[in-house]
Amino acid sequence: MKNAVKSSDENNGEIDKLFNFRPVFFSAVFLCLGIVFGYLYFLKDVSAWWSMLLLPFAVAPFCFCTSLRRLKKTALAVIVLALCFAVGVFSMLARLRDFADTTVYDGEMPVVGRVVEKKSYGETTKFVLDDLYIDGNTETGKLVAYLPTSLCESVSLSDEVLIEGRVRTDTEYFNDYGFRANDIGDGVRFAMNGTDCAVSGHSFDLFLSVYTRLENRLYAGMDESPAAVTLAVLTGDTSGIETDLLENMRMGGIAHIFAVSGLHIGALYAFCLVLLRKTPLRKLPKPVRFVLLSALLVFYSGVCGFTPSVIRATVLCLISYGAMLLGLHTDMLETLGAAAIFLLLLSPTALFEVGFQLTFLACLGIALLKRPVFAAFDTMFRFARKRFPRKLTDEQQAIFDQGDTLPLSLGERVFRGVSSVLSVSIAAQIATAPVLLYAFDFLSGWSLLLNFVFVPLISCVFSALLVLAVLACLLPVSATGAVLYLPNLVWSASLLLFEVADFSKFALTGLKFTAGSMICYYAGCTFLSDKWNLSPRVRKLYAALCFTAFFAVVGIVNG
């Protein structure tokens, strides 16, 4: 291609590829395509012949083969990608068929199970049970039971309960909210409206015991609202936060700080890296260090209930650390691809979960768009510098006259630091905005500003907050007030903002998107990045065309 950047490699004289092929990342992409096709084939009756649309993508790379070596590498890559697509199709088909393959119940009967989740909704409480015995039969999967709150106030997590009520098998693939990706992935096959509940036993669960102790100590040493927010930040449990306060945080676009994910696991991971590099732990063998880090992250994930967002972030960090220890040079795209493959092989329906999409799109946005966004800030800075030249001292002028680079001033260092933080936040929000609007019909206008404040805050204080919480659990209960005094003070001050301000006033709502508009949008995002080996002018032209098509389609759909 004329616009491709030519290689200076004198060994073969070949033209560089249109883009640098990343085998793990593209394998993940084709695995995703296979999962989507399996979904369309099984649930939407799409003909298998539509998969032939991928043939041009399989044939096109061979048109650029200029040597036998490249031909062999291209053929191997095409075969691997085709296998990934096939694995995606058949894994999705297997998961959907397995979900529906269960005993059918519909009637009044007893259920025995272990409580793994409990949420109260005023007069009604929701339980999720596993280790099921339904009408005397052992069943795989989970059951969701709804009972009057008055009947189950004494029931705790990890309790074995006996519930009487109407049970039905619920293996429908869709409900009022769309495709049941979460339920299918978790194996939630049964539903129940309970009329009576009794605790029949208690099975020890280390993670739930640690969680319960943490909850008790936080509420013992802090005021109610700061304790609820601290528990939510550390474990993702928002049930203790007042409804109005939580909703206002959602309207402000920062409720994601309560979904333990990459922000939290990343901060803990960074803290662990400091310990493994700056303390005597650095002398341990690499496998031992990896096991220690893995054990800590997995244990913390267990306390958080092994939620999908925690598992995704943990896998990302462990893959990154493993590659670091092995001396493998890999970029963020390859790490994302490896994590996606691992998670989707475990649960292919995760691809349709909003949390999965937001996590990987945010990381993908940072990988693709952080540098272009930072470059835009740098351009603005240079323009401002030309309009308002820096006043130099005689010593600085002498350095400048000699052609040397002047050290950055305090203001310039602050600007670059702020630009770096904003670049990450803006890149992530650009990548996730359409999905947020599509899934929640809401995009906060305050999101950028509030995330600029709270995301760095959580990143900086999360590990310290976790250490203080652990100390509160280990020390006598009488010491918790002193240990948690500072977090209590900080959260009390922070929450004042959400108690006095209404963040629902400035938001984007009501936009509808199509699959075609989404494709145009994300294609435009890739051309904004430097991942295409094209001249900047051509990339900007293609990006402009993609975004023009996106806005045109959105305008037509919403017109």
Protein backbone atom coordinates (compact mmCIF):
# COMPACT_ATOMS: atom_id res chain seq x y z
CA MET A 1 0.00 0.00 0.00
CA LYS A 2 1.35 3.42 -0.98
CA ASN A 3 0.55 4.97 2.34
CA ALA A 4 2.21 2.26 4.38
CA VAL A 5 5.47 3.22 5.99
CA LYS A 6 8.33 1.50 4.20
CA SER A 7 10.86 -0.59 6.08
CA SER A 8 14.53 0.18 6.19
CA ASP A 9 15.41 -3.44 6.79
CA GLU A 10 18.21 -4.18 4.36
CA ASN A 11 18.02 -7.94 4.85
CA ASN A 12 14.83 -8.47 2.92
CA GLY A 13 13.80 -5.05 1.62
CA GLU A 14 10.15 -5.83 2.26
CA ILE A 15 7.47 -3.25 2.94
CA ASP A 16 6.29 -3.11 6.50
CA LYS A 17 2.88 -4.51 7.24
CA LEU A 18 -0.17 -2.28 7.32
CA PHE A 19 -0.22 -2.95 11.06
CA ASN A 20 1.91 -4.99 13.43
CA PHE A 21 0.29 -8.38 13.81
CA ARG A 22 -0.17 -9.29 17.48
CA PRO A 23 -0.97 -13.01 17.55
CA VAL A 24 -2.49 -13.21 21.04
CA PHE A 25 -4.64 -10.10 20.61
CA PHE A 26 -5.96 -11.17 17.20
CA SER A 27 -6.58 -14.69 18.49
CA ALA A 28 -8.77 -13.13 21.18
CA VAL A 29 -10.58 -11.03 18.56
CA PHE A 30 -11.40 -14.11 16.45
CA LEU A 31 -12.42 -16.04 19.55
CA CYS A 32 -14.89 -13.21 20.26
CA LEU A 33 -16.14 -13.31 16.67
CA GLY A 34 -16.72 -17.04 17.02
CA ILE A 35 -18.66 -16.56 20.26
CA VAL A 36 -20.84 -13.90 18.64
CA PHE A 37 -21.47 -16.14 15.65
CA GLY A 38 -22.36 -19.07 17.96
CA TYR A 39 -24.86 -16.80 19.71
CA LEU A 40 -26.41 -15.67 16.40
CA TYR A 41 -26.52 -19.21 15.01
CA PHE A 42 -28.10 -20.79 18.10
CA LEU A 43 -30.46 -18.04 19.26
CA LYS A 44 -31.13 -15.93 16.17
CA ASP A 45 -31.26 -18.70 13.53
CA VAL A 46 -28.50 -17.09 11.47
CA SER A 47 -27.32 -19.44 8.72
CA ALA A 48 -23.85 -20.96 9.07
CA TRP A 49 -23.12 -19.72 5.53
CA TRP A 50 -22.78 -16.20 6.92
CA SER A 51 -19.43 -17.29 8.38
CA MET A 52 -18.12 -17.21 4.80
CA LEU A 53 -18.00 -13.43 5.15
CA LEU A 54 -14.72 -13.98 6.98
CA LEU A 55 -13.10 -15.54 3.91
CA PRO A 56 -11.90 -12.17 2.52
CA PHE A 57 -10.10 -11.57 5.82
CA ALA A 58 -8.44 -14.98 5.46
CA VAL A 59 -7.43 -14.45 1.84
CA ALA A 60 -6.36 -10.79 1.94
CA PRO A 61 -3.11 -11.33 3.95
CA PHE A 62 -1.78 -13.68 1.28
CA CYS A 63 -1.91 -10.83 -1.24
CA PHE A 64 0.91 -9.13 0.69
CA CYS A 65 3.17 -12.19 0.81
CA THR A 66 6.42 -11.38 -1.00
CA SER A 67 8.50 -14.33 0.16
CA LEU A 68 8.10 -18.00 1.02
CA ARG A 69 8.90 -17.21 4.66
CA ARG A 70 6.11 -14.66 4.89
CA LEU A 71 3.75 -17.04 3.08
CA LYS A 72 4.35 -19.74 5.70
CA LYS A 73 3.89 -17.31 8.59
CA THR A 74 0.69 -15.96 7.05
CA ALA A 75 -0.72 -19.44 6.51
CA LEU A 76 0.05 -20.39 10.12
CA ALA A 77 -1.59 -17.19 11.39
CA VAL A 78 -4.73 -17.78 9.31
CA ILE A 79 -5.01 -21.37 10.56
CA VAL A 80 -4.63 -20.27 14.20
CA LEU A 81 -7.24 -17.53 13.81
CA ALA A 82 -9.63 -19.95 12.11
CA LEU A 83 -9.20 -22.39 15.01
CA CYS A 84 -9.88 -19.58 17.50
CA PHE A 85 -13.07 -18.71 15.63
CA ALA A 86 -14.16 -22.37 15.68
CA VAL A 87 -13.38 -22.69 19.40
CA GLY A 88 -15.49 -19.59 20.05
CA VAL A 89 -18.44 -20.99 18.10
CA PHE A 90 -18.44 -24.43 19.69
CA SER A 91 -17.71 -23.22 23.24
CA MET A 92 -20.71 -20.87 23.02
CA LEU A 93 -22.95 -23.59 21.62
CA ALA A 94 -21.84 -25.99 24.36
CA ARG A 95 -22.50 -23.45 27.12
CA LEU A 96 -25.98 -22.60 25.83
CA ARG A 97 -26.97 -26.25 25.46
CA ASP A 98 -25.59 -27.16 28.88
CA PHE A 99 -27.55 -24.35 30.52
CA ALA A 100 -30.85 -25.79 29.30
CA ASP A 101 -29.92 -29.40 30.14
CA THR A 102 -31.36 -29.72 33.65
CA THR A 103 -34.31 -31.12 35.60
CA VAL A 104 -37.61 -29.31 35.16
CA TYR A 105 -39.37 -28.23 38.35
CA ASP A 106 -42.61 -26.32 38.77
CA GLY A 107 -44.44 -26.52 42.06
CA GLU A 108 -44.30 -26.31 45.85
CA MET A 109 -41.29 -28.15 47.27
CA PRO A 110 -38.41 -27.79 49.76
CA VAL A 111 -34.98 -26.54 48.80
CA VAL A 112 -31.75 -26.90 50.75
CA GLY A 113 -28.74 -24.84 49.75
CA ARG A 114 -25.82 -22.70 50.90
CA VAL A 115 -26.23 -18.91 50.87
CA VAL A 116 -23.56 -17.32 48.67
CA GLU A 117 -25.27 -13.97 48.14
CA LYS A 118 -27.80 -11.96 50.11
CA LYS A 119 -29.34 -8.62 49.17
CA SER A 120 -32.16 -6.80 50.88
CA TYR A 121 -34.68 -4.71 48.94
CA GLY A 122 -36.81 -3.32 51.73
CA GLU A 123 -39.54 -5.84 52.48
CA THR A 124 -38.04 -8.47 50.17
CA THR A 125 -34.67 -10.23 50.41
CA LYS A 126 -32.92 -12.01 47.57
CA PHE A 127 -30.78 -15.10 48.18
CA VAL A 128 -28.52 -16.92 45.77
CA LEU A 129 -27.95 -20.55 46.76
CA ASP A 130 -25.55 -23.21 45.57
CA ASP A 131 -24.92 -26.83 46.69
CA LEU A 132 -28.58 -27.41 45.90
CA TYR A 133 -30.95 -30.13 46.99
CA ILE A 134 -34.34 -29.58 45.35
CA ASP A 135 -37.12 -31.89 46.50
CA GLY A 136 -34.47 -34.34 47.64
CA ASN A 137 -32.51 -34.28 44.36
CA THR A 138 -28.96 -33.00 44.02
CA GLU A 139 -28.78 -30.33 41.33
CA THR A 140 -25.92 -28.45 39.70
CA GLY A 141 -26.11 -24.72 39.24
CA LYS A 142 -27.61 -22.01 41.44
CA LEU A 143 -31.05 -20.92 42.60
CA VAL A 144 -32.37 -17.40 43.19
CA ALA A 145 -34.90 -17.21 46.03
CA TYR A 146 -37.05 -14.22 47.06
CA LEU A 147 -38.45 -14.17 50.59
CA PRO A 148 -40.08 -11.65 52.95
CA THR A 149 -37.27 -9.91 54.84
CA SER A 150 -38.99 -10.63 58.15
CA LEU A 151 -38.45 -14.37 57.63
CA CYS A 152 -34.71 -14.28 57.00
CA GLU A 153 -33.15 -11.53 59.09
CA SER A 154 -31.04 -14.08 60.98
CA VAL A 155 -29.69 -15.74 57.84
CA SER A 156 -26.05 -14.99 57.07
CA LEU A 157 -23.71 -15.74 54.22
CA SER A 158 -22.43 -19.33 54.18
CA ASP A 159 -25.45 -20.56 56.15
CA GLU A 160 -27.16 -23.72 54.96
CA VAL A 161 -30.86 -22.98 54.72
CA LEU A 162 -34.07 -24.91 54.20
CA ILE A 163 -36.63 -22.91 52.21
CA GLU A 164 -40.21 -23.88 51.45
CA GLY A 165 -41.97 -22.37 48.47
CA ARG A 166 -42.74 -22.54 44.79
CA VAL A 167 -39.76 -23.61 42.65
CA ARG A 168 -39.51 -23.43 38.89
CA THR A 169 -36.76 -24.18 36.44
CA ASP A 170 -35.79 -21.02 34.58
CA THR A 171 -33.62 -21.83 31.58
CA GLU A 172 -34.95 -19.17 29.25
CA TYR A 173 -32.14 -17.43 27.42
CA PHE A 174 -33.82 -14.02 27.50
CA ASN A 175 -35.77 -12.00 30.04
CA ASP A 176 -37.23 -8.48 30.13
CA TYR A 177 -33.69 -7.03 30.19
CA GLY A 178 -32.35 -9.00 27.24
CA PHE A 179 -29.89 -11.87 26.98
CA ARG A 180 -29.23 -13.49 30.37
CA ALA A 181 -25.46 -13.57 30.00
CA ASN A 182 -24.74 -13.29 33.74
CA ASP A 183 -27.20 -15.99 34.74
CA ILE A 184 -26.04 -18.38 32.03
CA GLY A 185 -22.41 -17.81 32.94
CA ASP A 186 -23.10 -18.37 36.66
CA GLY A 187 -25.42 -21.33 36.04
CA VAL A 188 -28.49 -19.72 37.66
CA ARG A 189 -31.05 -22.29 36.49
CA PHE A 190 -33.74 -22.14 39.17
CA ALA A 191 -35.99 -19.48 40.71
CA MET A 192 -38.10 -19.60 43.83
CA ASN A 193 -40.64 -17.56 45.78
CA GLY A 194 -40.20 -18.69 49.37
CA THR A 195 -42.83 -18.78 52.08
CA ASP A 196 -40.72 -20.12 54.95
CA CYS A 197 -37.01 -20.22 55.78
CA ALA A 198 -34.93 -21.90 58.46
CA VAL A 199 -31.19 -22.17 59.03
CA SER A 200 -30.23 -25.84 59.03
CA GLY A 201 -26.48 -25.50 59.42
CA HIS A 202 -23.40 -23.43 58.77
CA SER A 203 -20.45 -24.38 56.60
CA PHE A 204 -17.19 -22.58 57.30
CA ASP A 205 -16.06 -20.36 54.46
CA LEU A 206 -12.76 -18.58 54.98
CA PHE A 207 -13.53 -15.77 52.54
CA LEU A 208 -16.97 -15.09 53.97
CA SER A 209 -15.58 -15.17 57.52
CA VAL A 210 -12.95 -12.59 56.63
CA TYR A 211 -15.56 -10.46 54.89
CA THR A 212 -17.88 -10.61 57.94
CA ARG A 213 -15.09 -9.61 60.31
CA LEU A 214 -14.07 -6.76 58.02
CA GLU A 215 -17.65 -5.49 57.86
CA ASN A 216 -18.07 -5.63 61.63
CA ARG A 217 -14.81 -3.79 62.33
CA LEU A 218 -15.51 -1.03 59.79
CA TYR A 219 -18.91 -0.29 61.28
CA ALA A 220 -17.43 -0.45 64.80
CA GLY A 221 -14.69 2.08 64.05
CA MET A 222 -16.37 4.49 61.60
CA ASP A 223 -19.58 6.43 61.15
CA GLU A 224 -22.29 4.61 59.24
CA SER A 225 -21.99 6.28 55.82
CA PRO A 226 -18.15 6.30 55.70
CA ALA A 227 -18.14 2.66 56.85
CA ALA A 228 -20.59 1.66 54.12
CA VAL A 229 -18.57 3.49 51.47
CA THR A 230 -15.28 1.99 52.71
CA LEU A 231 -16.77 -1.50 52.62
CA ALA A 232 -18.05 -0.84 49.09
CA VAL A 233 -14.65 0.41 47.91
CA LEU A 234 -12.83 -2.56 49.45
CA THR A 235 -15.25 -5.37 48.56
CA GLY A 236 -17.79 -4.03 46.05
CA ASP A 237 -20.76 -4.49 48.42
CA THR A 238 -22.91 -1.35 48.07
CA SER A 239 -25.90 -2.67 50.01
CA GLY A 240 -25.08 -0.49 53.02
CA ILE A 241 -24.95 2.82 51.12
CA GLU A 242 -28.07 4.95 51.25
CA THR A 243 -30.07 4.66 48.03
CA ASP A 244 -30.15 8.40 47.30
CA LEU A 245 -26.42 8.80 47.93
CA LEU A 246 -25.54 5.85 45.70
CA GLU A 247 -27.85 7.06 42.94
CA ASN A 248 -26.27 10.53 43.03
CA MET A 249 -22.84 8.94 42.70
CA ARG A 250 -24.10 7.01 39.70
CA MET A 251 -25.38 10.25 38.19
CA GLY A 252 -21.92 11.71 38.75
CA GLY A 253 -20.35 8.84 36.83
CA ILE A 254 -18.13 7.52 39.62
CA ALA A 255 -20.14 4.56 40.95
CA HIS A 256 -17.57 2.33 39.25
CA ILE A 257 -15.23 2.95 42.20
CA PHE A 258 -17.49 0.54 44.11
CA ALA A 259 -17.10 -2.23 41.53
CA VAL A 260 -13.82 -3.82 42.60
CA SER A 261 -12.00 -4.11 39.30
CA GLY A 262 -8.89 -2.92 37.51
CA LEU A 263 -8.66 0.32 39.49
CA HIS A 264 -8.55 -1.50 42.83
CA ILE A 265 -6.66 -4.64 41.82
CA GLY A 266 -4.21 -2.48 39.87
CA ALA A 267 -3.50 -0.36 42.95
CA LEU A 268 -3.00 -3.47 45.09
CA TYR A 269 -0.83 -5.00 42.37
CA ALA A 270 1.35 -1.88 42.22
CA PHE A 271 1.72 -1.93 46.02
CA CYS A 272 2.78 -5.59 45.90
CA LEU A 273 5.32 -4.85 43.16
CA VAL A 274 6.92 -2.22 45.41
CA LEU A 275 7.18 -4.78 48.21
CA LEU A 276 8.63 -7.41 45.89
CA ARG A 277 11.20 -5.00 44.47
CA LYS A 278 12.17 -2.77 47.40
CA THR A 279 12.19 -5.23 50.32
CA PRO A 280 14.16 -8.42 51.07
CA LEU A 281 11.41 -10.28 49.18
CA ARG A 282 13.26 -9.37 45.96
CA LYS A 283 15.85 -12.05 46.83
CA LEU A 284 13.25 -14.82 46.62
CA PRO A 285 13.21 -17.00 43.47
CA LYS A 286 10.90 -15.79 40.72
CA PRO A 287 8.45 -18.71 41.04
CA VAL A 288 8.09 -18.01 44.79
CA ARG A 289 7.42 -14.32 44.16
CA PHE A 290 4.80 -15.22 41.57
CA VAL A 291 3.12 -17.65 43.97
CA LEU A 292 3.09 -15.04 46.76
CA LEU A 293 1.55 -12.38 44.52
CA SER A 294 -0.96 -14.86 43.10
CA ALA A 295 -1.98 -16.06 46.56
CA LEU A 296 -2.56 -12.50 47.80
CA LEU A 297 -4.58 -11.41 44.77
CA VAL A 298 -6.63 -14.62 44.71
CA PHE A 299 -7.32 -14.35 48.46
CA TYR A 300 -8.46 -10.76 48.06
CA SER A 301 -10.61 -11.83 45.10
CA GLY A 302 -12.22 -14.45 47.32
CA VAL A 303 -13.06 -11.87 50.00
CA CYS A 304 -14.73 -9.83 47.24
CA GLY A 305 -16.77 -12.89 46.26
CA PHE A 306 -14.86 -13.81 43.09
CA THR A 307 -16.97 -11.36 41.12
CA PRO A 308 -16.31 -11.32 37.37
CA SER A 309 -14.73 -7.85 37.50
CA VAL A 310 -12.28 -8.96 40.21
CA ILE A 311 -11.38 -12.12 38.32
CA ARG A 312 -10.78 -10.16 35.11
CA ALA A 313 -8.48 -7.67 36.81
CA THR A 314 -6.62 -10.40 38.71
CA VAL A 315 -6.00 -12.39 35.55
CA LEU A 316 -4.72 -9.27 33.78
CA CYS A 317 -2.26 -8.51 36.59
CA LEU A 318 -1.02 -12.09 36.92
CA ILE A 319 -0.47 -12.42 33.17
CA SER A 320 1.41 -9.13 33.16
CA TYR A 321 3.58 -10.13 36.14
CA GLY A 322 4.23 -13.60 34.73
CA ALA A 323 5.39 -12.10 31.44
CA MET A 324 7.60 -9.66 33.36
CA LEU A 325 9.26 -12.47 35.35
CA LEU A 326 9.83 -14.51 32.20
CA GLY A 327 11.38 -11.53 30.44
CA LEU A 328 8.73 -11.52 27.74
CA HIS A 329 8.36 -8.21 25.94
CA THR A 330 4.65 -7.76 25.50
CA ASP A 331 2.45 -4.72 25.19
CA MET A 332 -0.94 -3.96 26.70
CA LEU A 333 -2.82 -5.31 23.68
CA GLU A 334 -1.19 -8.74 24.01
CA THR A 335 -1.84 -8.80 27.76
CA LEU A 336 -5.48 -7.89 27.17
CA GLY A 337 -5.75 -10.60 24.53
CA ALA A 338 -4.32 -13.27 26.83
CA ALA A 339 -6.67 -12.29 29.66
CA ALA A 340 -9.69 -12.26 27.33
CA ILE A 341 -8.86 -15.71 25.97
CA PHE A 342 -8.49 -17.16 29.47
CA LEU A 343 -11.77 -15.69 30.72
CA LEU A 344 -13.81 -16.44 27.62
CA LEU A 345 -12.69 -20.06 27.54
CA LEU A 346 -13.99 -20.34 31.11
CA SER A 347 -17.26 -18.55 30.33
CA PRO A 348 -17.97 -17.57 26.71
CA THR A 349 -21.17 -15.75 27.70
CA ALA A 350 -19.04 -13.22 29.60
CA LEU A 351 -18.53 -11.46 26.28
CA PHE A 352 -22.15 -10.26 26.49
CA GLU A 353 -21.85 -8.96 30.05
CA VAL A 354 -21.68 -5.18 30.28
CA GLY A 355 -19.00 -5.36 32.96
CA PHE A 356 -16.73 -7.45 30.74
CA GLN A 357 -17.23 -5.08 27.83
CA LEU A 358 -16.54 -1.96 29.90
CA THR A 359 -13.43 -3.45 31.51
CA PHE A 360 -11.78 -4.45 28.27
CA LEU A 361 -12.94 -1.42 26.32
CA ALA A 362 -11.51 0.88 29.00
CA CYS A 363 -8.15 -0.93 28.86
CA LEU A 364 -8.27 -0.99 25.07
CA GLY A 365 -9.06 2.71 24.99
CA ILE A 366 -6.05 3.45 27.20
CA ALA A 367 -3.80 1.29 25.02
CA LEU A 368 -4.95 2.94 21.79
CA LEU A 369 -5.84 6.51 22.72
CA LYS A 370 -3.76 7.60 25.70
CA ARG A 371 -0.84 8.76 23.55
CA PRO A 372 -2.97 10.64 20.98
CA VAL A 373 -4.90 12.40 23.76
CA PHE A 374 -1.66 13.31 25.55
CA ALA A 375 -0.27 14.57 22.22
CA ALA A 376 -3.32 16.83 21.89
CA PHE A 377 -2.61 18.31 25.34
CA ASP A 378 1.03 18.75 24.35
CA THR A 379 -0.03 20.59 21.19
CA MET A 380 -2.23 22.91 23.24
CA PHE A 381 0.67 23.51 25.62
CA ARG A 382 3.06 24.38 22.77
CA PHE A 383 0.49 26.74 21.27
CA ALA A 384 0.01 28.48 24.62
CA ARG A 385 3.78 28.69 25.06
CA LYS A 386 4.12 30.47 21.73
CA ARG A 387 1.38 32.94 22.63
CA PHE A 388 2.76 33.50 26.12
CA PRO A 389 6.53 32.92 25.99
CA ARG A 390 8.31 31.85 29.12
CA LYS A 391 10.32 34.60 30.78
CA LEU A 392 13.89 33.39 31.10
CA THR A 393 16.54 34.37 33.57
CA ASP A 394 19.98 35.33 32.27
CA GLU A 395 21.29 31.87 33.16
CA GLN A 396 18.39 30.14 31.38
CA GLN A 397 18.80 32.41 28.36
CA ALA A 398 22.47 31.44 28.13
CA ILE A 399 21.54 27.74 28.22
CA PHE A 400 18.90 28.32 25.56
CA ASP A 401 21.32 30.25 23.31
CA GLN A 402 23.74 27.32 23.44
CA GLY A 403 21.02 25.08 21.99
CA ASP A 404 20.49 23.05 25.15
CA THR A 405 17.05 22.04 26.41
CA LEU A 406 15.78 23.96 29.38
CA PRO A 407 14.54 21.95 32.36
CA LEU A 408 10.80 21.99 32.82
CA SER A 409 9.43 24.59 35.18
CA LEU A 410 7.18 23.68 38.10
CA GLY A 411 4.11 24.78 36.13
CA GLU A 412 5.15 22.69 33.13
CA ARG A 413 5.71 19.61 35.29
CA VAL A 414 2.29 20.07 36.89
CA PHE A 415 0.67 20.51 33.48
CA ARG A 416 2.28 17.32 32.16
CA GLY A 417 1.26 15.37 35.25
CA VAL A 418 -2.33 16.57 35.00
CA SER A 419 -2.31 15.88 31.26
CA SER A 420 -1.12 12.33 31.85
CA VAL A 421 -3.92 11.62 34.35
CA LEU A 422 -6.53 13.26 32.13
CA SER A 423 -5.27 11.35 29.09
CA VAL A 424 -5.93 8.03 30.79
CA SER A 425 -9.40 9.10 31.98
CA ILE A 426 -10.42 10.62 28.63
CA ALA A 427 -9.13 7.62 26.66
CA ALA A 428 -11.10 5.21 28.84
CA GLN A 429 -14.26 7.31 28.63
CA ILE A 430 -14.03 7.68 24.84
CA ALA A 431 -13.86 3.90 24.54
CA THR A 432 -16.69 3.14 26.96
CA ALA A 433 -19.15 5.99 26.21
CA PRO A 434 -21.25 4.20 23.53
CA VAL A 435 -21.61 1.05 25.63
CA LEU A 436 -22.61 3.08 28.69
CA LEU A 437 -25.25 4.91 26.68
CA TYR A 438 -26.48 1.70 25.05
CA ALA A 439 -26.63 -0.34 28.27
CA PHE A 440 -27.76 2.29 30.79
CA ASP A 441 -29.23 5.02 28.57
CA PHE A 442 -27.20 7.52 30.57
CA LEU A 443 -23.84 9.28 30.31
CA SER A 444 -22.91 11.72 33.05
CA GLY A 445 -21.67 15.13 32.04
CA TRP A 446 -19.82 15.34 35.37
CA SER A 447 -17.97 12.10 34.79
CA LEU A 448 -14.71 13.55 33.49
CA LEU A 449 -14.35 16.09 36.30
CA LEU A 450 -15.31 13.74 39.13
CA ASN A 451 -13.21 10.87 37.78
CA PHE A 452 -10.27 13.25 37.56
CA VAL A 453 -10.60 13.73 41.33
CA PHE A 454 -11.72 10.32 42.61
CA VAL A 455 -9.85 7.88 40.36
CA PRO A 456 -6.39 9.20 41.35
CA LEU A 457 -7.62 9.43 44.95
CA ILE A 458 -8.66 5.77 45.02
CA SER A 459 -5.46 4.73 43.22
CA CYS A 460 -3.32 6.55 45.79
CA VAL A 461 -5.12 5.61 49.00
CA PHE A 462 -6.55 2.17 48.20
CA SER A 463 -3.59 0.14 49.42
CA ALA A 464 -3.26 2.27 52.56
CA LEU A 465 -7.00 1.93 53.18
CA LEU A 466 -6.74 -1.84 52.80
CA VAL A 467 -3.77 -2.01 55.19
CA LEU A 468 -5.66 0.02 57.81
CA ALA A 469 -8.71 -2.22 57.39
CA VAL A 470 -6.55 -5.33 57.91
CA LEU A 471 -5.04 -3.77 61.05
CA ALA A 472 -8.54 -3.02 62.33
CA CYS A 473 -9.42 -6.68 61.86
CA LEU A 474 -6.29 -7.89 63.68
CA LEU A 475 -6.26 -5.45 66.61
CA PRO A 476 -8.79 -5.41 69.48
CA VAL A 477 -12.11 -3.82 68.61
CA SER A 478 -11.39 -0.97 71.03
CA ALA A 479 -8.54 0.17 68.75
CA THR A 480 -10.58 0.33 65.53
CA GLY A 481 -11.70 3.92 66.08
CA ALA A 482 -8.11 5.15 66.24
CA VAL A 483 -6.93 3.00 63.31
CA LEU A 484 -9.79 4.11 61.07
CA TYR A 485 -9.96 7.72 62.20
CA LEU A 486 -8.30 9.16 59.10
CA PRO A 487 -10.39 7.16 56.54
CA ASN A 488 -13.51 8.12 58.47
CA LEU A 489 -12.54 11.79 58.27
CA VAL A 490 -11.65 11.70 54.57
CA TRP A 491 -14.83 9.90 53.53
CA SER A 492 -17.02 12.12 55.67
CA ALA A 493 -15.60 15.18 53.91
CA SER A 494 -15.82 13.59 50.44
CA LEU A 495 -19.43 12.51 50.86
CA LEU A 496 -20.54 16.05 51.65
CA LEU A 497 -20.19 16.83 47.95
CA PHE A 498 -22.74 14.17 47.00
CA GLU A 499 -25.09 15.08 49.82
CA VAL A 500 -25.42 18.76 48.81
CA ALA A 501 -25.07 18.61 44.99
CA ASP A 502 -27.38 17.05 42.42
CA PHE A 503 -25.43 15.47 39.56
CA SER A 504 -28.45 14.36 37.55
CA LYS A 505 -28.88 17.79 35.93
CA PHE A 506 -26.16 17.47 33.30
CA ALA A 507 -26.36 14.18 31.40
CA LEU A 508 -26.71 12.72 27.93
CA THR A 509 -29.64 10.33 27.58
CA GLY A 510 -31.96 8.80 25.01
CA LEU A 511 -29.47 8.07 22.18
CA LYS A 512 -29.91 4.84 20.24
CA PHE A 513 -27.11 2.98 18.48
CA THR A 514 -26.92 0.28 15.85
CA ALA A 515 -24.24 -2.37 15.33
CA GLY A 516 -23.08 -0.50 12.23
CA SER A 517 -22.68 2.78 14.11
CA MET A 518 -20.67 1.04 16.81
CA ILE A 519 -18.35 -0.49 14.20
CA CYS A 520 -17.78 2.93 12.63
CA TYR A 521 -17.09 4.50 16.03
CA TYR A 522 -14.49 1.96 17.16
CA ALA A 523 -12.90 1.83 13.72
CA GLY A 524 -12.44 5.59 14.01
CA CYS A 525 -10.84 5.13 17.43
CA THR A 526 -8.29 2.69 16.00
CA PHE A 527 -7.34 5.19 13.28
CA LEU A 528 -6.82 7.86 15.95
CA SER A 529 -4.16 5.61 17.46
CA ASP A 530 -0.68 4.95 16.12
CA LYS A 531 -1.28 1.21 15.64
CA TRP A 532 -1.76 1.58 11.87
CA ASN A 533 1.46 1.94 9.86
CA LEU A 534 0.02 4.82 7.89
CA SER A 535 1.00 8.44 7.65
CA PRO A 536 -0.67 10.65 10.28
CA ARG A 537 -2.57 12.54 7.58
CA VAL A 538 -4.09 9.37 6.14
CA ARG A 539 -5.00 8.06 9.61
CA LYS A 540 -6.75 11.32 10.43
CA LEU A 541 -8.63 11.16 7.13
CA TYR A 542 -9.85 7.60 7.78
CA ALA A 543 -10.78 8.51 11.37
CA ALA A 544 -12.77 11.50 10.12
CA LEU A 545 -14.61 9.31 7.61
CA CYS A 546 -15.46 6.73 10.28
CA PHE A 547 -16.73 9.29 12.76
CA THR A 548 -18.71 11.07 10.06
CA ALA A 549 -20.39 7.77 9.22
CA PHE A 550 -21.02 7.17 12.93
CA PHE A 551 -22.71 10.53 13.49
CA ALA A 552 -24.69 10.16 10.26
CA VAL A 553 -26.07 6.76 11.30
CA VAL A 554 -26.81 7.95 14.84
CA GLY A 555 -28.52 11.03 13.44
CA ILE A 556 -30.70 8.94 11.15
CA VAL A 557 -31.61 6.43 13.87
CA ASN A 558 -32.44 9.12 16.43
CA GLY A 559 -33.94 11.61 13.95
